[in-house]
Structures are given as C-alpha cells and as structure tokens.
C-alpha atoms as a PDB file:
ATOM      1  CA  MET A   1      -0.068   0.038  -0.039  1.00  0.00           C
ATOM      2  CA  VAL A   2       1.343   3.441  -0.887  1.00  0.00           C
ATOM      3  CA  THR A   3       1.275   5.936   1.787  1.00  0.00           C
ATOM      4  CA  LYS A   4       3.243   8.726   0.144  1.00  0.00           C
ATOM      5  CA  LEU A   5       2.518  10.290  -3.286  1.00  0.00           C
ATOM      6  CA  GLY A   6       5.926  10.959  -5.542  1.00  0.00           C
ATOM      7  CA  THR A   7       6.741  14.192  -6.173  1.00  0.00           C
ATOM      8  CA  LEU A   8       7.188  16.030  -9.547  1.00  0.00           C
ATOM      9  CA  ARG A   9      10.129  18.531 -10.059  1.00  0.00           C
ATOM     10  CA  GLY A  10      10.093  20.961 -12.893  1.00  0.00           C
ATOM     11  CA  VAL A  11      13.910  21.271 -13.166  1.00  0.00           C
ATOM     12  CA  GLY A  12      15.188  24.267 -15.366  1.00  0.00           C
ATOM     13  CA  VAL A  13      18.508  23.227 -17.188  1.00  0.00           C
ATOM     14  CA  GLY A  14      19.257  26.638 -18.636  1.00  0.00           C
ATOM     15  CA  PRO A  15      19.579  27.973 -21.994  1.00  0.00           C
ATOM     16  CA  GLY A  16      22.494  25.536 -23.552  1.00  0.00           C
ATOM     17  CA  ASP A  17      25.605  25.404 -21.400  1.00  0.00           C
ATOM     18  CA  PRO A  18      25.599  22.555 -19.231  1.00  0.00           C
ATOM     19  CA  GLU A  19      28.034  24.393 -16.661  1.00  0.00           C
ATOM     20  CA  LEU A  20      24.982  26.729 -16.506  1.00  0.00           C
ATOM     21  CA  LEU A  21      22.686  24.359 -14.404  1.00  0.00           C
ATOM     22  CA  THR A  22      22.412  25.325 -10.684  1.00  0.00           C
ATOM     23  CA  VAL A  23      23.970  23.314  -8.004  1.00  0.00           C
ATOM     24  CA  LYS A  24      20.227  22.433  -7.148  1.00  0.00           C
ATOM     25  CA  ALA A  25      19.463  21.017 -10.682  1.00  0.00           C
ATOM     26  CA  ALA A  26      22.686  19.153 -10.787  1.00  0.00           C
ATOM     27  CA  ARG A  27      21.856  17.436  -7.493  1.00  0.00           C
ATOM     28  CA  LEU A  28      18.374  16.481  -7.931  1.00  0.00           C
ATOM     29  CA  ILE A  29      19.305  15.201 -11.727  1.00  0.00           C
ATOM     30  CA  SER A  30      22.229  12.808 -10.628  1.00  0.00           C
ATOM     31  CA  ASN A  31      19.915  11.521  -7.959  1.00  0.00           C
ATOM     32  CA  ALA A  32      16.720  10.826  -9.927  1.00  0.00           C
ATOM     33  CA  SER A  33      15.392   7.295 -10.433  1.00  0.00           C
ATOM     34  CA  VAL A  34      12.778   8.791 -12.986  1.00  0.00           C
ATOM     35  CA  ILE A  35      13.702  11.456 -15.844  1.00  0.00           C
ATOM     36  CA  ALA A  36      10.917  13.013 -18.048  1.00  0.00           C
ATOM     37  CA  TYR A  37      11.532  15.360 -20.727  1.00  0.00           C
ATOM     38  CA  LEU A  38       9.563  16.509 -24.034  1.00  0.00           C
ATOM     39  CA  ALA A  39      11.077  15.459 -27.238  1.00  0.00           C
ATOM     40  CA  ALA A  40      10.172  16.670 -30.602  1.00  0.00           C
ATOM     41  CA  HIS A  41       8.438  13.773 -32.578  1.00  0.00           C
ATOM     42  CA  GLY A  42       9.839  11.395 -29.866  1.00  0.00           C
ATOM     43  CA  LYS A  43      13.410  11.715 -30.696  1.00  0.00           C
ATOM     44  CA  ASP A  44      14.925  15.168 -30.276  1.00  0.00           C
ATOM     45  CA  SER A  45      15.331  16.782 -26.867  1.00  0.00           C
ATOM     46  CA  THR A  46      17.607  19.768 -26.162  1.00  0.00           C
ATOM     47  CA  ALA A  47      16.533  19.767 -22.288  1.00  0.00           C
ATOM     48  CA  ARG A  48      18.157  16.085 -22.152  1.00  0.00           C
ATOM     49  CA  ASP A  49      20.919  16.998 -24.477  1.00  0.00           C
ATOM     50  CA  ILE A  50      21.883  19.433 -21.881  1.00  0.00           C
ATOM     51  CA  ALA A  51      21.458  17.513 -18.821  1.00  0.00           C
ATOM     52  CA  LYS A  52      22.836  14.416 -20.039  1.00  0.00           C
ATOM     53  CA  SER A  53      26.100  14.358 -18.270  1.00  0.00           C
ATOM     54  CA  TYR A  54      24.317  14.714 -15.017  1.00  0.00           C
ATOM     55  CA  ILE A  55      21.540  11.935 -15.686  1.00  0.00           C
ATOM     56  CA  PRO A  56      22.332   8.693 -14.020  1.00  0.00           C
ATOM     57  CA  ALA A  57      22.753   5.262 -16.033  1.00  0.00           C
ATOM     58  CA  SER A  58      20.081   3.909 -13.783  1.00  0.00           C
ATOM     59  CA  ALA A  59      17.501   6.266 -14.721  1.00  0.00           C
ATOM     60  CA  GLU A  60      14.382   5.510 -16.035  1.00  0.00           C
ATOM     61  CA  HIS A  61      13.646   7.819 -19.331  1.00  0.00           C
ATOM     62  CA  LEU A  62      10.077   8.837 -19.637  1.00  0.00           C
ATOM     63  CA  VAL A  63       9.913  10.592 -23.259  1.00  0.00           C
ATOM     64  CA  ILE A  64       6.817  12.718 -23.871  1.00  0.00           C
ATOM     65  CA  ASP A  65       6.355  12.697 -27.447  1.00  0.00           C
ATOM     66  CA  MET A  66       5.648  16.372 -28.639  1.00  0.00           C
ATOM     67  CA  PRO A  67       4.499  17.084 -32.486  1.00  0.00           C
ATOM     68  CA  MET A  68       5.929  20.466 -33.798  1.00  0.00           C
ATOM     69  CA  ARG A  69       2.697  21.760 -34.959  1.00  0.00           C
ATOM     70  CA  VAL A  70       1.000  24.920 -35.113  1.00  0.00           C
ATOM     71  CA  GLU A  71      -2.534  23.529 -34.197  1.00  0.00           C
ATOM     72  CA  ARG A  72      -2.849  23.542 -30.608  1.00  0.00           C
ATOM     73  CA  GLU A  73      -4.854  20.167 -30.141  1.00  0.00           C
ATOM     74  CA  PRO A  74      -1.824  17.726 -31.097  1.00  0.00           C
ATOM     75  CA  GLY A  75      -0.003  19.422 -28.258  1.00  0.00           C
ATOM     76  CA  GLU A  76      -2.761  19.141 -25.555  1.00  0.00           C
ATOM     77  CA  ARG A  77      -3.050  15.460 -26.285  1.00  0.00           C
ATOM     78  CA  ALA A  78       0.461  15.259 -25.802  1.00  0.00           C
ATOM     79  CA  TYR A  79       0.334  16.773 -22.645  1.00  0.00           C
ATOM     80  CA  ASP A  80      -2.699  14.558 -21.428  1.00  0.00           C
ATOM     81  CA  ALA A  81      -0.532  11.726 -22.310  1.00  0.00           C
ATOM     82  CA  GLY A  82       2.399  12.824 -20.749  1.00  0.00           C
ATOM     83  CA  ALA A  83       0.590  13.757 -17.401  1.00  0.00           C
ATOM     84  CA  THR A  84      -1.050  10.540 -17.457  1.00  0.00           C
ATOM     85  CA  ALA A  85       2.285   8.504 -17.984  1.00  0.00           C
ATOM     86  CA  ILE A  86       4.081  10.938 -15.007  1.00  0.00           C
ATOM     87  CA  ALA A  87       1.169  10.482 -12.746  1.00  0.00           C
ATOM     88  CA  ALA A  88       1.413   6.421 -12.976  1.00  0.00           C
ATOM     89  CA  HIS A  89       5.106   7.078 -11.383  1.00  0.00           C
ATOM     90  CA  LEU A  90       3.971   9.664  -8.824  1.00  0.00           C
ATOM     91  CA  ALA A  91       0.773   7.615  -7.573  1.00  0.00           C
ATOM     92  CA  VAL A  92       3.034   4.945  -6.321  1.00  0.00           C
ATOM     93  CA  GLY A  93       5.374   6.786  -4.649  1.00  0.00           C
ATOM     94  CA  ARG A  94       8.193   7.559  -7.423  1.00  0.00           C
ATOM     95  CA  ASP A  95       9.413  10.979  -7.702  1.00  0.00           C
ATOM     96  CA  VAL A  96       9.950  12.424 -11.300  1.00  0.00           C
ATOM     97  CA  ILE A  97      12.140  14.900 -12.582  1.00  0.00           C
ATOM     98  CA  LEU A  98      10.836  16.821 -15.396  1.00  0.00           C
ATOM     99  CA  LEU A  99      13.664  18.512 -17.479  1.00  0.00           C
ATOM    100  CA  CYS A 100      12.778  22.099 -18.892  1.00  0.00           C
ATOM    101  CA  GLU A 101      14.910  24.038 -21.081  1.00  0.00           C
ATOM    102  CA  GLY A 102      15.673  27.629 -19.533  1.00  0.00           C
ATOM    103  CA  ASP A 103      13.215  28.205 -16.666  1.00  0.00           C
ATOM    104  CA  PRO A 104      10.261  25.963 -16.078  1.00  0.00           C
ATOM    105  CA  PHE A 105       7.868  28.869 -15.521  1.00  0.00           C
ATOM    106  CA  PHE A 106       9.105  31.274 -18.154  1.00  0.00           C
ATOM    107  CA  TYR A 107       7.009  30.286 -21.417  1.00  0.00           C
ATOM    108  CA  GLY A 108       7.923  26.607 -20.550  1.00  0.00           C
ATOM    109  CA  SER A 109       6.113  23.429 -21.567  1.00  0.00           C
ATOM    110  CA  PHE A 110       6.231  22.326 -17.777  1.00  0.00           C
ATOM    111  CA  MET A 111       3.443  24.752 -16.902  1.00  0.00           C
ATOM    112  CA  TYR A 112       1.127  22.575 -18.740  1.00  0.00           C
ATOM    113  CA  LEU A 113       1.876  19.182 -17.020  1.00  0.00           C
ATOM    114  CA  PHE A 114       1.858  21.258 -13.857  1.00  0.00           C
ATOM    115  CA  ALA A 115      -1.474  22.525 -14.529  1.00  0.00           C
ATOM    116  CA  ARG A 116      -2.577  18.918 -14.948  1.00  0.00           C
ATOM    117  CA  LEU A 117      -1.171  17.520 -11.977  1.00  0.00           C
ATOM    118  CA  ALA A 118      -0.576  19.872  -9.242  1.00  0.00           C
ATOM    119  CA  ARG A 119      -3.746  19.629  -7.674  1.00  0.00           C
ATOM    120  CA  THR A 120      -3.388  15.691  -7.228  1.00  0.00           C
ATOM    121  CA  TYR A 121      -0.146  15.488  -6.443  1.00  0.00           C
ATOM    122  CA  PRO A 122       3.431  17.279  -4.784  1.00  0.00           C
ATOM    123  CA  CYS A 123       5.061  19.458  -7.233  1.00  0.00           C
ATOM    124  CA  ALA A 124       7.958  21.734  -7.038  1.00  0.00           C
ATOM    125  CA  ILE A 125       9.665  24.296  -9.353  1.00  0.00           C
ATOM    126  CA  VAL A 126      13.421  24.729  -9.693  1.00  0.00           C
ATOM    127  CA  PRO A 127      14.343  27.919 -11.732  1.00  0.00           C
ATOM    128  CA  GLY A 128      16.944  27.977 -14.284  1.00  0.00           C
ATOM    129  CA  VAL A 129      18.923  30.606 -16.417  1.00  0.00           C
ATOM    130  CA  THR A 130      16.656  31.902 -19.110  1.00  0.00           C
ATOM    131  CA  SER A 131      17.422  32.378 -22.757  1.00  0.00           C
ATOM    132  CA  MET A 132      16.685  36.064 -22.396  1.00  0.00           C
ATOM    133  CA  THR A 133      19.522  36.437 -19.641  1.00  0.00           C
ATOM    134  CA  ALA A 134      21.763  34.274 -21.478  1.00  0.00           C
ATOM    135  CA  SER A 135      21.377  36.226 -24.618  1.00  0.00           C
ATOM    136  CA  ALA A 136      22.111  39.499 -22.881  1.00  0.00           C
ATOM    137  CA  ALA A 137      25.419  38.201 -21.593  1.00  0.00           C
ATOM    138  CA  ALA A 138      26.281  36.935 -25.034  1.00  0.00           C
ATOM    139  CA  LEU A 139      25.560  40.484 -26.551  1.00  0.00           C
ATOM    140  CA  ARG A 140      27.527  42.144 -23.596  1.00  0.00           C
ATOM    141  CA  ARG A 141      24.826  44.547 -22.950  1.00  0.00           C
ATOM    142  CA  PRO A 142      22.588  45.046 -19.847  1.00  0.00           C
ATOM    143  CA  LEU A 143      18.763  44.047 -20.748  1.00  0.00           C
ATOM    144  CA  SER A 144      17.988  47.570 -18.765  1.00  0.00           C
ATOM    145  CA  ALA A 145      19.473  50.195 -16.299  1.00  0.00           C
ATOM    146  CA  ARG A 146      17.962  52.083 -13.657  1.00  0.00           C
ATOM    147  CA  ASN A 147      14.369  53.086 -14.423  1.00  0.00           C
ATOM    148  CA  GLU A 148      14.384  51.335 -17.995  1.00  0.00           C
ATOM    149  CA  VAL A 149      11.580  48.792 -18.329  1.00  0.00           C
ATOM    150  CA  VAL A 150      12.112  45.414 -20.236  1.00  0.00           C
ATOM    151  CA  LYS A 151       9.313  43.978 -22.247  1.00  0.00           C
ATOM    152  CA  VAL A 152       9.332  40.154 -23.257  1.00  0.00           C
ATOM    153  CA  LEU A 153       7.147  39.827 -26.574  1.00  0.00           C
ATOM    154  CA  PRO A 154       6.492  36.670 -28.678  1.00  0.00           C
ATOM    155  CA  ALA A 155       6.912  37.065 -32.286  1.00  0.00           C
ATOM    156  CA  THR A 156       3.693  35.507 -32.520  1.00  0.00           C
ATOM    157  CA  LEU A 157       1.850  38.658 -31.760  1.00  0.00           C
ATOM    158  CA  PRO A 158       0.028  40.097 -34.313  1.00  0.00           C
ATOM    159  CA  GLU A 159       1.668  42.959 -36.390  1.00  0.00           C
ATOM    160  CA  ASP A 160      -0.282  45.682 -34.717  1.00  0.00           C
ATOM    161  CA  ARG A 161       0.279  44.549 -31.536  1.00  0.00           C
ATOM    162  CA  LEU A 162       3.973  44.015 -31.795  1.00  0.00           C
ATOM    163  CA  ARG A 163       4.234  47.624 -33.355  1.00  0.00           C
ATOM    164  CA  GLU A 164       2.295  48.953 -30.267  1.00  0.00           C
ATOM    165  CA  GLU A 165       4.505  47.367 -27.526  1.00  0.00           C
ATOM    166  CA  LEU A 166       7.780  48.263 -29.050  1.00  0.00           C
ATOM    167  CA  MET A 167       6.669  52.002 -29.554  1.00  0.00           C
ATOM    168  CA  THR A 168       6.889  52.329 -25.747  1.00  0.00           C
ATOM    169  CA  ALA A 169       9.546  49.712 -24.912  1.00  0.00           C
ATOM    170  CA  GLU A 170      13.218  51.039 -23.759  1.00  0.00           C
ATOM    171  CA  SER A 171      14.383  47.563 -24.323  1.00  0.00           C
ATOM    172  CA  ALA A 172      12.802  44.378 -25.736  1.00  0.00           C
ATOM    173  CA  VAL A 173      13.149  40.682 -25.997  1.00  0.00           C
ATOM    174  CA  LEU A 174      11.610  39.167 -28.864  1.00  0.00           C
ATOM    175  CA  ILE A 175      11.220  35.412 -28.412  1.00  0.00           C
ATOM    176  CA  LYS A 176       9.718  32.576 -30.925  1.00  0.00           C
ATOM    177  CA  VAL A 177      10.983  34.419 -33.904  1.00  0.00           C
ATOM    178  CA  GLY A 178      11.425  31.622 -36.359  1.00  0.00           C
ATOM    179  CA  ARG A 179       9.114  32.071 -39.145  1.00  0.00           C
ATOM    180  CA  HIS A 180       7.852  35.269 -37.806  1.00  0.00           C
ATOM    181  CA  LEU A 181      11.087  37.236 -38.860  1.00  0.00           C
ATOM    182  CA  PRO A 182       9.693  38.879 -41.918  1.00  0.00           C
ATOM    183  CA  LYS A 183       6.496  40.302 -39.820  1.00  0.00           C
ATOM    184  CA  VAL A 184       9.502  41.215 -37.011  1.00  0.00           C
ATOM    185  CA  ARG A 185      11.861  42.785 -39.614  1.00  0.00           C
ATOM    186  CA  ASN A 186       8.995  44.941 -41.143  1.00  0.00           C
ATOM    187  CA  VAL A 187       7.900  46.340 -37.653  1.00  0.00           C
ATOM    188  CA  LEU A 188      11.255  47.184 -36.560  1.00  0.00           C
ATOM    189  CA  GLY A 189      11.722  49.001 -39.708  1.00  0.00           C
ATOM    190  CA  MET A 190       8.673  50.907 -39.429  1.00  0.00           C
ATOM    191  CA  LEU A 191       9.798  51.911 -36.054  1.00  0.00           C
ATOM    192  CA  ASP A 192      13.186  52.896 -37.267  1.00  0.00           C
ATOM    193  CA  LEU A 193      14.681  50.194 -35.011  1.00  0.00           C
ATOM    194  CA  SER A 194      16.267  47.546 -37.233  1.00  0.00           C
ATOM    195  CA  SER A 195      20.046  49.125 -36.458  1.00  0.00           C
ATOM    196  CA  ARG A 196      19.344  48.753 -32.600  1.00  0.00           C
ATOM    197  CA  ALA A 197      18.402  45.183 -32.859  1.00  0.00           C
ATOM    198  CA  HIS A 198      20.641  42.191 -32.549  1.00  0.00           C
ATOM    199  CA  VAL A 199      19.870  38.665 -33.278  1.00  0.00           C
ATOM    200  CA  ILE A 200      21.308  35.662 -30.670  1.00  0.00           C
ATOM    201  CA  ILE A 201      20.811  32.260 -31.827  1.00  0.00           C
ATOM    202  CA  LYS A 202      21.578  29.344 -29.507  1.00  0.00           C
ATOM    203  CA  ALA A 203      22.642  31.563 -26.334  1.00  0.00           C
ATOM    204  CA  THR A 204      25.368  29.597 -24.580  1.00  0.00           C
ATOM    205  CA  HIS A 205      25.594  26.559 -27.127  1.00  0.00           C
ATOM    206  CA  GLN A 206      28.968  25.760 -28.569  1.00  0.00           C
ATOM    207  CA  ASP A 207      27.644  27.295 -31.719  1.00  0.00           C
ATOM    208  CA  GLU A 208      26.175  30.440 -30.582  1.00  0.00           C
ATOM    209  CA  VAL A 209      25.807  32.986 -32.700  1.00  0.00           C
ATOM    210  CA  VAL A 210      25.505  36.754 -32.004  1.00  0.00           C
ATOM    211  CA  MET A 211      24.691  39.442 -35.036  1.00  0.00           C
ATOM    212  CA  PRO A 212      23.123  42.634 -35.810  1.00  0.00           C
ATOM    213  CA  LEU A 213      19.604  42.034 -37.413  1.00  0.00           C
ATOM    214  CA  LEU A 214      20.761  44.248 -40.476  1.00  0.00           C
ATOM    215  CA  ASP A 215      23.362  41.262 -41.373  1.00  0.00           C
ATOM    216  CA  ILE A 216      20.608  38.357 -41.493  1.00  0.00           C
ATOM    217  CA  THR A 217      19.449  37.639 -45.205  1.00  0.00           C
ATOM    218  CA  GLU A 218      17.072  34.636 -44.153  1.00  0.00           C
ATOM    219  CA  ASP A 219      13.656  34.855 -44.231  1.00  0.00           C
ATOM    220  CA  HIS A 220      13.516  32.595 -41.015  1.00  0.00           C
ATOM    221  CA  LEU A 221      15.640  32.073 -37.752  1.00  0.00           C
ATOM    222  CA  PRO A 222      16.356  28.634 -36.025  1.00  0.00           C
ATOM    223  CA  TYR A 223      13.810  27.985 -33.096  1.00  0.00           C
ATOM    224  CA  PHE A 224      16.437  28.931 -30.508  1.00  0.00           C
ATOM    225  CA  SER A 225      16.722  32.448 -31.362  1.00  0.00           C
ATOM    226  CA  SER A 226      16.123  35.877 -29.729  1.00  0.00           C
ATOM    227  CA  ILE A 227      16.348  39.300 -30.804  1.00  0.00           C
ATOM    228  CA  LEU A 228      17.093  42.060 -28.256  1.00  0.00           C
ATOM    229  CA  VAL A 229      15.961  45.435 -29.094  1.00  0.00           C
ATOM    230  CA  TYR A 230      17.291  48.914 -27.427  1.00  0.00           C
ATOM    231  CA  SER A 231      15.410  51.711 -28.331  1.00  0.00           C
ATOM    232  CA  GLY A 232      16.120  53.873 -24.948  1.00  0.00           C
ATOM    233  CA  THR A 233      19.391  55.757 -24.110  1.00  0.00           C
ATOM    234  CA  GLU A 234      22.445  53.754 -22.934  1.00  0.00           C
ATOM    235  CA  SER A 235      22.184  55.237 -19.396  1.00  0.00           C
ATOM    236  CA  TRP A 236      24.324  52.405 -17.741  1.00  0.00           C
END
C-alpha cells in the first residue's frame, strides 16, 4: 500500500551550456530514478542533451512525444498523455524529474503539465537561467538599467500589437521568432529600430551566433533564437 505520493519536480536546465545548471538542478538530476522530458516527434530533446552528463545510467527515461505543429490540439493530447504517464509514477510513490529548457515557468512547457497534475500530486519548481538573460550576456549589454523597463514579446503576436508594444519599449526581448522574422523585421523597420536590434542564436551553446539584425538575410531563424532591441539611451 502506497502511503506517500511521489513529487514532480520541474527542473530548469538553462539555455544550453551544461555548466549553467544550478547546483540544486545538478543534484536533483544526479539522484533521479525517473527522468522525464519532451522530445520533438519522440526523438530530439534539447533539455535531455543539456543535462545528459548529470543523468545517472540507472534512471528510467520517460519521453513525452511532442508533435511540432501549429495547431493546439496535437500538443494538448501530448500533454494529456505525458501527464498520465507521469502520474503513474507519482501514484506509487516515485519522484519524477521533468527537465525543462531555460526556466520551467518562463514560457516553459512544464506549466501545462503542472496545470494537469498539481492539484493531485506534490509539485516543485527549480528555476533555471533563461535564454533572455543568456542572450544579454552573449551580446555583452545589460537588458536594462536604473528605471528602464524591459518587455518580453512573443513574435507570434499580431503585427499591430507588436508595433504598439515596441513603440513604448526602452528595451525588448523578442522570442519565438522563427518563421515570424519577416513580420518582426517589417515592424522594426517601420519604427526605425532595425539598427538597434541584435539576433542571438542558440545562446551559450558551442555554436552560438550573435549578429546585428541588419546582417541577417534569411526569412526565418532557428527555433532557439532571440532578438534584443534597444530604443532607450545607454544610461548605464
């Protein structure tokens, strides 16, 4: 008879460099008996690749097959299936470590599993270094200073909304750019901000790229890309 439920821990593994895991994240992963992670089409998992040197050989891997689709329904089904698989371990007292790129609660997929499981099972969140802060470090420029306000803007927003938000931004981080690059480029051009924008691709990875937006000739960016935009003065 099980007297204690297992705990689900969403563990942030940072943006790419394995040495950017926190001490707590490394300890929990190194002692895990069940490791869960999302994998694109059941194969590619950046979170697993980042943390692989910490995962014990004895750990059971729970792969959540995530279809890379624009429609929401396939993703929702994948989260339902993943939550069911995780719950099977938690219900018999086994803890589960769910690896999360960046930070679990900063645009992280963990939040959708948390929403499905937290009412029934103990859950904990271990924060991680975000791609936003890693991108600023790669660019060697602060995100903000003194009273400046930073905006985080998904490039998936409608063009009018992006323009409205950027018009009042002293600094902004554009995420989820990918195939939305032409729209972003158009908005920044209209606001005369193109020369103040830099692209950071795969921040902290060995093949990290940092370059001005004006030097990008393609019409799309890799999935792990951010654009940092500065319209305020360099007051720092």
